[in-house]
Amino acid sequence: MALAPYWARIRDVLEADVFHRARQVAEHGVAQVLNELHKSVTWDTGSLRLVRRQCTLSRAETGAGLLLVPSAFAWPRVLTRSVAPEPPQLAYPARGIGTLWEPRTTAAAEAVAAVIGKSRTLLLTELDTPASTTQLARHAGLSAAGVSQHLTALRDAGLVTAHRAGRSVLYARTAVADALLCAGTA
């Protein structure tokens, strides 16, 4: 119950992290993802090393693979779990957790709303992490159909991009939209 009011934002950050890591694996490989996961985690010559950890595990002692678990609560460290026959688990701070408690509206957003409308501006501010139409509708208090229409217009204007993630389509703000939302603060 304590997390209920915040769970949608937390879940969105975690889903965005998974989306980002999956793209990184596809584009650059697992080694780069592991090396960028956390400052205490390195992958070298087939070995995963964690700073200040003295536990050595072999593949024979653990389950197959490695389960990466983004967390909103692991910061600033990584957490590990290894219980055979399950794969070893590595919980790490999710990208974007520092933004979880920041307000999403700014004076610049109010100026942008005067030009493109409140609903579209609200959607752009909600897209500080990638989100689906359903997620945006829930957060913005708009209908999914209305959100879809707004996203189409924003995509056509070059303010958002759409990327398939499994059965969902995730929308993300473009650099142009970021500049637009920050223009009033400079």
Protein backbone atom coordinates (compact mmCIF):
# COMPACT_ATOMS: atom_id res chain seq x y z
CA MET A 1 0.00 0.00 0.00
CA ALA A 2 2.85 2.41 0.65
CA LEU A 3 3.98 2.23 -2.98
CA ALA A 4 0.53 2.32 -4.57
CA PRO A 5 0.46 6.08 -5.27
CA TYR A 6 3.91 5.90 -6.87
CA TRP A 7 3.80 2.49 -8.51
CA ALA A 8 2.83 3.66 -12.02
CA ARG A 9 5.83 6.02 -12.18
CA ILE A 10 8.17 3.38 -10.73
CA ARG A 11 6.92 0.72 -13.15
CA ASP A 12 7.38 3.10 -16.09
CA VAL A 13 11.00 3.77 -15.13
CA LEU A 14 11.66 0.03 -14.76
CA GLU A 15 10.01 -0.77 -18.11
CA ALA A 16 11.97 2.01 -19.80
CA ASP A 17 15.19 0.56 -18.39
CA VAL A 18 14.35 -2.91 -19.73
CA PHE A 19 13.53 -1.36 -23.12
CA HIS A 20 16.83 0.54 -23.15
CA ARG A 21 18.92 -2.50 -22.14
CA ALA A 22 17.23 -4.72 -24.75
CA ARG A 23 18.05 -2.18 -27.46
CA GLN A 24 21.63 -1.93 -26.21
CA VAL A 25 22.04 -5.71 -26.33
CA ALA A 26 20.67 -5.80 -29.88
CA GLU A 27 22.86 -2.92 -31.05
CA HIS A 28 26.09 -3.43 -29.09
CA GLY A 29 26.03 -6.85 -27.42
CA VAL A 30 25.85 -8.14 -23.88
CA ALA A 31 29.41 -7.21 -22.90
CA GLN A 32 28.79 -3.49 -23.41
CA VAL A 33 25.50 -3.63 -21.49
CA LEU A 34 27.15 -5.36 -18.54
CA ASN A 35 30.08 -2.91 -18.56
CA GLU A 36 27.68 0.06 -18.52
CA LEU A 37 25.30 -1.41 -15.93
CA HIS A 38 27.01 -0.05 -12.82
CA LYS A 39 30.48 1.20 -11.90
CA SER A 40 31.07 -1.90 -9.74
CA VAL A 41 30.21 -4.39 -12.52
CA THR A 42 32.63 -5.41 -15.28
CA TRP A 43 32.59 -8.10 -17.93
CA ASP A 44 35.97 -9.28 -19.18
CA THR A 45 37.06 -12.44 -20.97
CA GLY A 46 33.92 -14.37 -20.10
CA SER A 47 33.89 -13.40 -16.42
CA LEU A 48 31.51 -11.09 -14.62
CA ARG A 49 33.26 -9.25 -11.80
CA LEU A 50 31.73 -7.20 -9.02
CA VAL A 51 33.90 -4.82 -7.00
CA ARG A 52 34.19 -5.81 -3.32
CA ARG A 53 32.51 -9.19 -3.83
CA GLN A 54 34.49 -12.29 -2.91
CA CYS A 55 32.03 -14.94 -4.06
CA THR A 56 33.14 -17.11 -6.97
CA LEU A 57 30.46 -19.05 -8.78
CA SER A 58 30.84 -21.46 -11.64
CA ARG A 59 28.22 -22.35 -14.21
CA ALA A 60 28.00 -25.83 -12.66
CA GLU A 61 26.93 -24.30 -9.32
CA THR A 62 24.20 -22.05 -10.68
CA GLY A 63 21.35 -22.16 -13.11
CA ALA A 64 21.85 -21.16 -16.73
CA GLY A 65 22.11 -17.48 -17.64
CA LEU A 66 22.02 -14.31 -15.61
CA LEU A 67 18.86 -12.47 -14.62
CA LEU A 68 19.23 -8.69 -14.68
CA VAL A 69 16.73 -6.94 -12.38
CA PRO A 70 16.31 -3.17 -12.65
CA SER A 71 15.40 -1.65 -9.30
CA ALA A 72 14.16 1.67 -7.99
CA PHE A 73 15.48 0.73 -4.54
CA ALA A 74 18.97 -0.74 -5.11
CA TRP A 75 20.68 2.65 -5.50
CA PRO A 76 23.59 3.30 -5.12
CA ARG A 77 24.77 -0.32 -5.18
CA VAL A 78 24.01 -3.58 -6.91
CA LEU A 79 22.47 -6.54 -5.14
CA THR A 80 23.07 -10.19 -5.95
CA ARG A 81 21.25 -13.44 -5.35
CA SER A 82 22.36 -16.93 -6.25
CA VAL A 83 20.25 -19.93 -5.30
CA ALA A 84 20.63 -23.06 -7.43
CA PRO A 85 19.01 -24.15 -9.68
CA GLU A 86 17.77 -20.62 -10.47
CA PRO A 87 20.02 -18.37 -12.57
CA PRO A 88 22.09 -15.85 -10.60
CA GLN A 89 20.37 -12.49 -10.22
CA LEU A 90 21.86 -9.02 -10.35
CA ALA A 91 19.65 -6.13 -9.18
CA TYR A 92 20.95 -2.74 -10.26
CA PRO A 93 19.73 0.87 -10.09
CA ALA A 94 17.40 1.49 -13.04
CA ARG A 95 18.15 4.35 -15.41
CA GLY A 96 16.03 7.36 -14.57
CA ILE A 97 15.36 6.67 -10.89
CA GLY A 98 16.69 10.12 -10.07
CA THR A 99 13.72 11.60 -11.93
CA LEU A 100 11.03 9.63 -10.10
CA TRP A 101 10.17 12.40 -7.68
CA GLU A 102 10.75 15.44 -9.90
CA PRO A 103 7.74 17.53 -10.89
CA ARG A 104 6.82 17.00 -14.53
CA THR A 105 5.54 20.44 -15.39
CA THR A 106 7.63 23.56 -15.91
CA ALA A 107 7.11 27.16 -16.95
CA ALA A 108 8.40 26.17 -20.40
CA ALA A 109 5.71 23.48 -20.64
CA GLU A 110 3.04 26.10 -19.94
CA ALA A 111 4.38 28.25 -22.80
CA VAL A 112 4.43 25.24 -25.13
CA ALA A 113 0.85 24.39 -24.10
CA ALA A 114 -0.27 27.79 -25.34
CA VAL A 115 1.00 26.78 -28.80
CA ILE A 116 0.32 23.04 -29.19
CA GLY A 117 -2.35 22.55 -26.52
CA LYS A 118 -2.45 21.30 -22.95
CA SER A 119 -3.08 17.62 -23.78
CA ARG A 120 -0.20 17.32 -26.24
CA THR A 121 2.12 19.19 -23.91
CA LEU A 122 1.08 16.93 -21.04
CA LEU A 123 1.88 13.88 -23.18
CA LEU A 124 5.29 15.28 -24.06
CA THR A 125 6.10 15.92 -20.40
CA GLU A 126 4.95 12.40 -19.49
CA LEU A 127 7.37 11.00 -22.06
CA ASP A 128 10.47 11.65 -19.97
CA THR A 129 10.64 7.85 -20.16
CA PRO A 130 9.22 5.83 -23.08
CA ALA A 131 5.58 4.80 -22.61
CA SER A 132 2.73 3.09 -24.43
CA THR A 133 -0.56 4.68 -25.40
CA THR A 134 -2.27 2.86 -22.53
CA GLN A 135 0.29 4.05 -19.98
CA LEU A 136 0.03 7.61 -21.22
CA ALA A 137 -3.77 7.52 -21.13
CA ARG A 138 -3.68 6.29 -17.52
CA HIS A 139 -1.15 8.93 -16.39
CA ALA A 140 -2.68 11.82 -18.30
CA GLY A 141 -6.31 10.99 -17.50
CA LEU A 142 -7.20 10.93 -21.21
CA SER A 143 -8.88 8.28 -23.34
CA ALA A 144 -6.60 5.87 -25.18
CA ALA A 145 -8.19 6.96 -28.48
CA GLY A 146 -7.50 10.62 -27.72
CA VAL A 147 -3.92 9.86 -26.72
CA SER A 148 -3.45 7.90 -29.94
CA GLN A 149 -4.65 10.86 -32.02
CA HIS A 150 -2.35 13.26 -30.17
CA LEU A 151 0.63 10.89 -30.54
CA THR A 152 0.03 10.62 -34.28
CA ALA A 153 0.11 14.42 -34.57
CA LEU A 154 3.22 14.65 -32.36
CA ARG A 155 4.94 11.91 -34.38
CA ASP A 156 4.06 13.65 -37.67
CA ALA A 157 5.56 16.86 -36.26
CA GLY A 158 8.79 15.05 -35.30
CA LEU A 159 8.25 15.48 -31.57
CA VAL A 160 7.92 11.76 -30.69
CA THR A 161 9.12 8.47 -32.12
CA ALA A 162 7.48 5.06 -31.91
CA HIS A 163 9.33 1.80 -31.24
CA ARG A 164 7.89 -1.70 -31.01
CA ALA A 165 8.71 -3.54 -27.77
CA GLY A 166 7.15 -6.99 -27.94
CA ARG A 167 3.40 -6.52 -28.31
CA SER A 168 3.52 -2.87 -27.27
CA VAL A 169 4.51 0.29 -29.07
CA LEU A 170 6.51 2.66 -26.88
CA TYR A 171 6.65 6.35 -27.65
CA ALA A 172 9.64 8.50 -26.78
CA ARG A 173 10.29 12.23 -26.93
CA THR A 174 12.73 13.39 -29.60
CA ALA A 175 15.58 15.84 -29.10
CA VAL A 176 13.40 18.45 -30.83
CA ALA A 177 10.69 17.97 -28.18
CA ASP A 178 13.28 18.15 -25.39
CA ALA A 179 14.56 21.44 -26.78
CA LEU A 180 11.01 22.75 -27.11
CA LEU A 181 10.18 21.91 -23.49
CA CYS A 182 13.43 23.47 -22.25
CA ALA A 183 13.28 26.59 -24.42
CA GLY A 184 11.51 28.69 -21.80
CA THR A 185 14.02 27.90 -19.07
CA ALA A 186 17.14 29.21 -20.83
